[in-house]
Amino acid sequence: CDFKEQTCIAVMLGAYLLLLRRWSLQKIKDALGFEIANSTFTCSWAPQHQGILRVQDCWRGLEQALQQSWLKPGCFESDAGTASFVEEYLRVAYTYDASWIIPGKVLVCADPETTRSDPSPWTLRSVFSPRGDDSVLGLHPWPASEPRSPGTYYAKSVSRTSSDANSPSRADTDMMSLKSDYTCATIAKDHSVAPSRGTSHPGPKIPSFASYLEKNHIKLVVRANFLKEPGMRMCSYDSMYFEQYGIKHADVPILDFHGAVPSAADLAKFRAAVADFSLSPGDENAIAVHCKGGFGRSVSLICWLLASHLRVSGEALLGWSRIVRPGAVTTLEQERFIVRLQPRKPVPGCKGGCVLS
């Protein structure tokens, strides 16, 4: 097999030994060897670049998931248990383009308006309306004149570097509207066919996005993207509609260029937004964090949150995130940011009080 297949096989073999044979991480590394344990993956959305994520980081993420009770090995001890686990995981992924980083506590997802734009009959049709048609709430797609190329399900924008002379300062950028010239780092769904609406839409009856959040005790939604970004057929939702579901909302828009890494100001704003949130198992309240595609900016914020509250290493969080949200962490800059998150150390690039507690 080629190198890419070898690294994936190594992750799965280590997962088997860890979850079902109860091997320690050190025993797995000793058995499979230094070279395999330190093999690295390419950057998920920039395969021309060798990434930072190593095979052993995925094992470390699984080990932390067991220790933190994010994952219960009993799920995989029978065919029925495994089938049930996989079925629910895929249902959430296909219907809401979402993944639980911590089951029942922390959800990451794409902007629900990008998911609603998916022509598949198996994805959600409504962000808020129980009737399944958000147009009654005044939410409409982009004008027909908005340029949009047909093609694959996911499409990457062209990357810009830090040497770009025309890159805007934060002060020069409208807080909730990001121009297409500056978008580079996140992943955008690109649907060539607009979805059907109302009763003519085929497929199963699907609860709205807000209804799903309410059912799963999510009390806060954090949006890390801007209201308008290239690749979004629909403008992002109006957050006021979450109020009727008892869900708070916060905007922490992160600029989508130069690696799309949260700045010190972004982290401070996110910290304030989640100040009342508890990761205690006894607290039923959960949060959802999303960006445009739900792979880069949102995952970076969640990894910071978990490192801060649970004292989990950045390497383990990077590995776990890639397992539960395949394709997560879209740039090398984001990978570097996450692996540098270490318990009891200052947050990289964050000055003036943003210290892991």
Foldseek 3Di string as FASTA:
>chain_A
DDPQVLLVVLLVVLLCCCLPVVDDLVVSCVVVHDVSQADFAAFLACNVHTARFGSSLLSLLSVVCVVVVQDHSVLPPDPVSVVVVVVVLVLCCLAFVKFALRPLAEIFHAQSLLQCFDQDLSYQVAQFDQQSACVVVVWDWDPPPPDADADDQKDFAAADAPPDPPDDDPVPDDPQEDDAVFAGFDIAGGHPDGHDGGPVRDDDNDGHNLVVCLVSQAAEEEEQAHQDYPRRRTGGDDVVSSVVSNHYYYYLHFGRHNQRADALVSLVRVCVRCVVPDPDPVDSYHHYYYYNGRAANRLLSVLLVCCQHVQRALSSSVSSCCVRNPSHHGDNVSSVQSNPSGHQAQRPNHDDPRRRD
